[in-house]
Every structure is written in structure tokens, then in C-alpha cells.
Amino acid sequence: IYTDTHKIVFSSNGDTINIPLVMYQCSNKNTCMHQKPKVQRGKCIKKGQILADGAATVGGELALGKNVLVAHMPWEGYNFEDAVLISARLVYEDIYTSFHIRKYEIQTHVTGQGP
């Protein structure tokens, strides 16, 4: 078996199988898709073994979201100027940080007056 950040290559029954991995590509929701190999180079793999993890999986299990304890404080019973309190650690350690990718394309044409 051969693995790096771009692909996983292994042979089965004399056939060589090449599995490309997604590296920092844009999803349809403008978030970052990235797959990390979970198998080690030179090790044997078994049927059903997890080969790679993505942004929404941990150990082959779907892992969407994180639970957090927050405090909600309404101001004198009204909905105006309410507050939601979170820990500063969530901000400083980038617990809920996400990457968003946007791709912009522009076309230029050379005319008689210049580009």
C-alpha cells in the first residue's frame, strides 16, 4: 500500500487500485472539502477498513456539529437586546472556525483601444 496526501494506492487480486483524495476543494456550499488518509504506508488493509476521513467524519462515523453550553439572557422579558453568552475559549481556540471558498473568474478582451 502507498499513501500520501493526494492519493491512496493498493493492490487487490493482482489489480492496482488508485483512489484520489480531495485536497482543499470548494463544496457546493462554499466550504472547504479535504480528505485525510487513515491508512499507513506499507501496512495491509482489510475489507471494510476506513481509508480516509473528511471534514464531516471522524473514524468513519458521521460527525456533524459540536455541542456547547450557552447562556441566554432576555432583557427584562423582551426580545430586544437579548444576549447569548459563550466562553472566550471558543473564540480564541477557533472551535467553531470554518473555511469558506469562493471562486471568481473574469474575462478580458484585447480591443483596438487596449485590454
N, C-alpha and C. Protein backbone atom coordinates (compact mmCIF):
# COMPACT_ATOMS: atom_id res chain seq x y z
N ILE A 1 0.85 -1.18 0.00
CA ILE A 1 0.00 0.00 0.00
C ILE A 1 0.89 1.24 0.00
N TYR A 2 0.47 2.24 -0.74
CA TYR A 2 1.16 3.53 -0.79
C TYR A 2 0.14 4.61 -0.50
N THR A 3 0.50 5.56 0.32
CA THR A 3 -0.42 6.65 0.62
C THR A 3 0.35 7.95 0.80
N ASP A 4 -0.26 9.03 0.36
CA ASP A 4 0.24 10.37 0.64
C ASP A 4 -0.97 11.28 0.73
N THR A 5 -0.76 12.57 0.74
CA THR A 5 -1.88 13.49 0.91
C THR A 5 -2.76 13.61 -0.33
N HIS A 6 -2.30 13.09 -1.47
CA HIS A 6 -3.05 13.22 -2.72
C HIS A 6 -3.77 11.95 -3.15
N LYS A 7 -3.29 10.78 -2.72
CA LYS A 7 -3.89 9.54 -3.20
C LYS A 7 -3.56 8.37 -2.28
N ILE A 8 -4.35 7.32 -2.44
CA ILE A 8 -4.10 6.04 -1.79
C ILE A 8 -4.03 5.00 -2.89
N VAL A 9 -2.96 4.22 -2.93
CA VAL A 9 -2.77 3.19 -3.95
C VAL A 9 -2.57 1.85 -3.24
N PHE A 10 -3.35 0.84 -3.64
CA PHE A 10 -3.16 -0.50 -3.10
C PHE A 10 -3.50 -1.51 -4.17
N SER A 11 -3.08 -2.75 -3.97
CA SER A 11 -3.38 -3.78 -4.96
C SER A 11 -4.24 -4.85 -4.30
N SER A 12 -5.18 -5.36 -5.10
CA SER A 12 -6.10 -6.38 -4.64
C SER A 12 -6.30 -7.38 -5.76
N ASN A 13 -6.03 -8.64 -5.51
CA ASN A 13 -6.17 -9.70 -6.51
C ASN A 13 -5.36 -9.40 -7.77
N GLY A 14 -4.20 -8.81 -7.62
CA GLY A 14 -3.34 -8.51 -8.76
C GLY A 14 -3.67 -7.20 -9.46
N ASP A 15 -4.77 -6.55 -9.10
CA ASP A 15 -5.14 -5.26 -9.69
C ASP A 15 -4.66 -4.12 -8.80
N THR A 16 -4.14 -3.07 -9.42
CA THR A 16 -3.72 -1.89 -8.68
C THR A 16 -4.88 -0.89 -8.67
N ILE A 17 -5.25 -0.45 -7.48
CA ILE A 17 -6.38 0.48 -7.32
C ILE A 17 -5.82 1.80 -6.82
N ASN A 18 -6.17 2.88 -7.53
CA ASN A 18 -5.72 4.23 -7.20
C ASN A 18 -6.94 5.04 -6.76
N ILE A 19 -6.93 5.53 -5.52
CA ILE A 19 -8.03 6.33 -5.00
C ILE A 19 -7.53 7.75 -4.78
N PRO A 20 -7.98 8.73 -5.59
CA PRO A 20 -7.55 10.11 -5.39
C PRO A 20 -8.26 10.72 -4.17
N LEU A 21 -7.56 11.57 -3.45
CA LEU A 21 -8.14 12.26 -2.30
C LEU A 21 -8.40 13.72 -2.65
N VAL A 22 -9.44 14.27 -2.07
CA VAL A 22 -9.81 15.67 -2.30
C VAL A 22 -8.94 16.55 -1.42
N MET A 23 -8.30 17.54 -2.03
CA MET A 23 -7.42 18.44 -1.30
C MET A 23 -7.93 19.87 -1.41
N TYR A 24 -8.49 20.39 -0.37
CA TYR A 24 -8.91 21.79 -0.27
C TYR A 24 -9.68 22.25 -1.50
N GLN A 25 -10.79 21.57 -1.77
CA GLN A 25 -11.65 21.96 -2.89
C GLN A 25 -12.91 22.60 -2.35
N CYS A 26 -13.53 23.40 -3.18
CA CYS A 26 -14.75 24.10 -2.79
C CYS A 26 -15.96 23.17 -2.93
N SER A 27 -16.81 23.14 -1.90
CA SER A 27 -18.04 22.35 -1.98
C SER A 27 -19.14 23.21 -2.60
N ASN A 28 -20.32 22.62 -2.76
CA ASN A 28 -21.42 23.39 -3.33
C ASN A 28 -22.00 24.41 -2.35
N LYS A 29 -21.54 24.41 -1.11
CA LYS A 29 -21.95 25.40 -0.11
C LYS A 29 -20.82 26.36 0.23
N ASN A 30 -19.81 26.43 -0.64
CA ASN A 30 -18.65 27.31 -0.49
C ASN A 30 -17.83 27.01 0.77
N THR A 31 -17.84 25.78 1.23
CA THR A 31 -16.97 25.39 2.33
C THR A 31 -15.83 24.56 1.77
N CYS A 32 -14.87 24.29 2.60
CA CYS A 32 -13.66 23.59 2.17
C CYS A 32 -13.79 22.09 2.37
N MET A 33 -13.56 21.31 1.31
CA MET A 33 -13.56 19.85 1.40
C MET A 33 -12.10 19.38 1.39
N HIS A 34 -11.79 18.50 2.35
CA HIS A 34 -10.42 18.00 2.47
C HIS A 34 -10.48 16.60 3.06
N GLN A 35 -9.79 15.65 2.43
CA GLN A 35 -9.76 14.28 2.93
C GLN A 35 -8.36 13.94 3.41
N LYS A 36 -8.29 13.23 4.55
CA LYS A 36 -7.01 12.82 5.14
C LYS A 36 -6.94 11.31 5.14
N PRO A 37 -5.84 10.74 4.65
CA PRO A 37 -5.72 9.27 4.66
C PRO A 37 -5.64 8.74 6.09
N LYS A 38 -6.32 7.62 6.35
CA LYS A 38 -6.30 6.99 7.67
C LYS A 38 -5.48 5.72 7.69
N VAL A 39 -5.00 5.28 6.53
CA VAL A 39 -4.17 4.08 6.46
C VAL A 39 -2.71 4.49 6.39
N GLN A 40 -1.85 3.63 6.88
CA GLN A 40 -0.42 3.93 6.89
C GLN A 40 0.28 3.24 5.72
N ARG A 41 1.31 3.91 5.24
CA ARG A 41 2.09 3.39 4.12
C ARG A 41 2.74 2.07 4.50
N GLY A 42 2.61 1.09 3.61
CA GLY A 42 3.23 -0.21 3.82
C GLY A 42 2.42 -1.18 4.66
N LYS A 43 1.33 -0.75 5.26
CA LYS A 43 0.50 -1.63 6.09
C LYS A 43 -0.56 -2.32 5.25
N CYS A 44 -0.99 -3.49 5.68
CA CYS A 44 -2.07 -4.21 5.00
C CYS A 44 -3.41 -3.64 5.43
N ILE A 45 -4.36 -3.63 4.52
CA ILE A 45 -5.70 -3.17 4.86
C ILE A 45 -6.67 -4.33 4.72
N LYS A 46 -7.78 -4.23 5.45
CA LYS A 46 -8.79 -5.28 5.45
C LYS A 46 -10.07 -4.76 4.82
N LYS A 47 -10.90 -5.68 4.40
CA LYS A 47 -12.18 -5.33 3.81
C LYS A 47 -13.02 -4.57 4.83
N GLY A 48 -13.58 -3.43 4.42
CA GLY A 48 -14.40 -2.61 5.30
C GLY A 48 -13.64 -1.60 6.12
N GLN A 49 -12.31 -1.58 6.02
CA GLN A 49 -11.50 -0.64 6.79
C GLN A 49 -11.64 0.77 6.22
N ILE A 50 -11.64 1.76 7.08
CA ILE A 50 -11.74 3.16 6.67
C ILE A 50 -10.41 3.58 6.03
N LEU A 51 -10.48 4.11 4.82
CA LEU A 51 -9.27 4.53 4.11
C LEU A 51 -8.95 6.00 4.33
N ALA A 52 -9.99 6.86 4.43
CA ALA A 52 -9.76 8.29 4.58
C ALA A 52 -10.91 8.92 5.35
N ASP A 53 -10.61 10.01 6.05
CA ASP A 53 -11.62 10.80 6.75
C ASP A 53 -11.75 12.14 6.07
N GLY A 54 -12.94 12.71 6.15
CA GLY A 54 -13.20 14.03 5.60
C GLY A 54 -13.59 15.00 6.69
N ALA A 55 -14.13 16.14 6.29
CA ALA A 55 -14.50 17.18 7.25
C ALA A 55 -15.69 16.77 8.11
N ALA A 56 -16.55 15.90 7.61
CA ALA A 56 -17.77 15.54 8.34
C ALA A 56 -17.69 14.15 8.95
N THR A 57 -16.51 13.52 8.95
CA THR A 57 -16.38 12.19 9.52
C THR A 57 -15.17 12.11 10.45
N VAL A 58 -15.31 11.29 11.47
CA VAL A 58 -14.20 11.00 12.38
C VAL A 58 -14.20 9.50 12.58
N GLY A 59 -13.15 8.84 12.12
CA GLY A 59 -13.07 7.39 12.24
C GLY A 59 -14.15 6.66 11.46
N GLY A 60 -14.61 7.26 10.37
CA GLY A 60 -15.64 6.64 9.55
C GLY A 60 -17.05 6.90 10.03
N GLU A 61 -17.22 7.57 11.16
CA GLU A 61 -18.54 7.89 11.70
C GLU A 61 -18.90 9.32 11.33
N LEU A 62 -20.17 9.55 11.00
CA LEU A 62 -20.65 10.89 10.69
C LEU A 62 -20.55 11.75 11.94
N ALA A 63 -19.89 12.89 11.84
CA ALA A 63 -19.66 13.77 12.99
C ALA A 63 -19.98 15.20 12.59
N LEU A 64 -21.23 15.56 12.67
CA LEU A 64 -21.66 16.91 12.29
C LEU A 64 -21.95 17.73 13.54
N GLY A 65 -21.30 18.87 13.66
CA GLY A 65 -21.59 19.79 14.74
C GLY A 65 -20.90 19.45 16.05
N LYS A 66 -21.00 20.38 16.96
CA LYS A 66 -20.44 20.22 18.30
C LYS A 66 -21.45 20.78 19.29
N ASN A 67 -21.59 20.11 20.41
CA ASN A 67 -22.47 20.60 21.46
C ASN A 67 -21.73 21.62 22.30
N VAL A 68 -22.45 22.65 22.72
CA VAL A 68 -21.85 23.68 23.56
C VAL A 68 -22.93 24.19 24.52
N LEU A 69 -22.53 24.47 25.74
CA LEU A 69 -23.44 25.02 26.73
C LEU A 69 -23.39 26.54 26.64
N VAL A 70 -24.53 27.17 26.42
CA VAL A 70 -24.60 28.62 26.31
C VAL A 70 -25.61 29.14 27.33
N ALA A 71 -25.52 30.42 27.60
CA ALA A 71 -26.48 31.08 28.49
C ALA A 71 -27.23 32.12 27.67
N HIS A 72 -28.55 32.13 27.80
CA HIS A 72 -29.39 33.10 27.10
C HIS A 72 -30.03 33.99 28.15
N MET A 73 -29.90 35.29 27.98
CA MET A 73 -30.44 36.23 28.96
C MET A 73 -31.31 37.25 28.27
N PRO A 74 -32.64 37.14 28.41
CA PRO A 74 -33.51 38.16 27.84
C PRO A 74 -33.44 39.44 28.69
N TRP A 75 -33.60 40.56 28.04
CA TRP A 75 -33.54 41.84 28.73
C TRP A 75 -34.93 42.23 29.19
N GLU A 76 -35.20 42.12 30.48
CA GLU A 76 -36.48 42.46 31.10
C GLU A 76 -37.66 41.78 30.42
N GLY A 77 -37.45 40.54 29.94
CA GLY A 77 -38.54 39.78 29.36
C GLY A 77 -38.87 40.10 27.92
N TYR A 78 -38.17 41.03 27.32
CA TYR A 78 -38.44 41.39 25.93
C TYR A 78 -37.42 40.73 25.01
N ASN A 79 -37.68 40.76 23.73
CA ASN A 79 -36.76 40.16 22.77
C ASN A 79 -35.74 41.16 22.23
N PHE A 80 -35.83 42.40 22.62
CA PHE A 80 -34.90 43.41 22.15
C PHE A 80 -33.66 43.42 23.04
N GLU A 81 -32.50 43.46 22.45
CA GLU A 81 -31.22 43.49 23.15
C GLU A 81 -31.00 42.27 24.04
N ASP A 82 -31.38 41.08 23.54
CA ASP A 82 -31.09 39.84 24.25
C ASP A 82 -29.60 39.52 24.11
N ALA A 83 -29.12 38.60 24.92
CA ALA A 83 -27.70 38.24 24.88
C ALA A 83 -27.54 36.74 24.92
N VAL A 84 -26.56 36.24 24.18
CA VAL A 84 -26.15 34.84 24.26
C VAL A 84 -24.69 34.85 24.67
N LEU A 85 -24.39 34.19 25.79
CA LEU A 85 -23.03 34.18 26.32
C LEU A 85 -22.34 32.87 25.98
N ILE A 86 -21.11 32.97 25.48
CA ILE A 86 -20.30 31.79 25.21
C ILE A 86 -18.94 31.99 25.86
N SER A 87 -18.18 30.95 25.95
CA SER A 87 -16.85 31.02 26.54
C SER A 87 -15.88 31.70 25.58
N ALA A 88 -14.96 32.47 26.12
CA ALA A 88 -13.93 33.11 25.30
C ALA A 88 -13.02 32.05 24.67
N ARG A 89 -12.90 30.89 25.30
CA ARG A 89 -12.07 29.80 24.77
C ARG A 89 -12.57 29.36 23.40
N LEU A 90 -13.89 29.38 23.18
CA LEU A 90 -14.44 29.00 21.87
C LEU A 90 -13.94 29.93 20.77
N VAL A 91 -13.75 31.18 21.12
CA VAL A 91 -13.28 32.16 20.14
C VAL A 91 -11.77 32.04 19.94
N TYR A 92 -11.01 32.01 21.03
CA TYR A 92 -9.55 32.04 20.93
C TYR A 92 -8.96 30.75 20.40
N GLU A 93 -9.61 29.60 20.64
CA GLU A 93 -9.09 28.32 20.14
C GLU A 93 -9.73 27.90 18.82
N ASP A 94 -10.48 28.78 18.19
CA ASP A 94 -11.10 28.54 16.88
C ASP A 94 -11.93 27.26 16.86
N ILE A 95 -12.72 27.05 17.90
CA ILE A 95 -13.53 25.83 18.00
C ILE A 95 -14.57 25.78 16.88
N TYR A 96 -15.19 26.90 16.57
CA TYR A 96 -16.23 26.93 15.55
C TYR A 96 -15.79 27.65 14.28
N THR A 97 -14.50 27.69 14.01
CA THR A 97 -14.00 28.33 12.80
C THR A 97 -14.26 27.43 11.60
N SER A 98 -14.68 28.03 10.51
CA SER A 98 -14.88 27.28 9.27
C SER A 98 -14.25 28.06 8.12
N PHE A 99 -13.89 27.33 7.09
CA PHE A 99 -13.29 27.94 5.91
C PHE A 99 -14.33 27.99 4.80
N HIS A 100 -14.42 29.12 4.13
CA HIS A 100 -15.33 29.28 3.00
C HIS A 100 -14.51 29.71 1.79
N ILE A 101 -14.78 29.09 0.66
CA ILE A 101 -14.02 29.35 -0.55
C ILE A 101 -14.96 29.89 -1.62
N ARG A 102 -14.55 30.94 -2.25
CA ARG A 102 -15.31 31.49 -3.37
C ARG A 102 -14.36 31.61 -4.56
N LYS A 103 -14.87 31.28 -5.72
CA LYS A 103 -14.06 31.33 -6.93
C LYS A 103 -14.65 32.40 -7.84
N TYR A 104 -13.84 33.34 -8.24
CA TYR A 104 -14.26 34.40 -9.14
C TYR A 104 -13.47 34.29 -10.44
N GLU A 105 -14.14 34.45 -11.54
CA GLU A 105 -13.49 34.42 -12.84
C GLU A 105 -13.80 35.72 -13.57
N ILE A 106 -12.84 36.18 -14.32
CA ILE A 106 -13.02 37.38 -15.10
C ILE A 106 -12.41 37.14 -16.48
N GLN A 107 -13.06 37.66 -17.48
CA GLN A 107 -12.55 37.54 -18.84
C GLN A 107 -12.16 38.92 -19.34
N THR A 108 -11.03 38.98 -20.01
CA THR A 108 -10.59 40.24 -20.60
C THR A 108 -10.47 40.05 -22.10
N HIS A 109 -10.69 41.10 -22.79
CA HIS A 109 -10.59 41.08 -24.25
C HIS A 109 -9.68 42.21 -24.70
N VAL A 110 -8.85 41.92 -25.67
CA VAL A 110 -7.98 42.95 -26.24
C VAL A 110 -8.74 43.60 -27.39
N THR A 111 -8.91 44.90 -27.28
CA THR A 111 -9.61 45.66 -28.32
C THR A 111 -8.61 46.59 -29.00
N GLY A 112 -9.10 47.34 -29.94
CA GLY A 112 -8.24 48.28 -30.64
C GLY A 112 -7.74 49.39 -29.72
N GLN A 113 -8.45 49.61 -28.61
CA GLN A 113 -8.05 50.66 -27.67
C GLN A 113 -7.21 50.11 -26.52
N GLY A 114 -6.96 48.81 -26.53
CA GLY A 114 -6.15 48.21 -25.47
C GLY A 114 -6.94 47.14 -24.72
N PRO A 115 -6.34 46.54 -23.71
CA PRO A 115 -7.02 45.48 -22.97
C PRO A 115 -8.11 46.02 -22.06
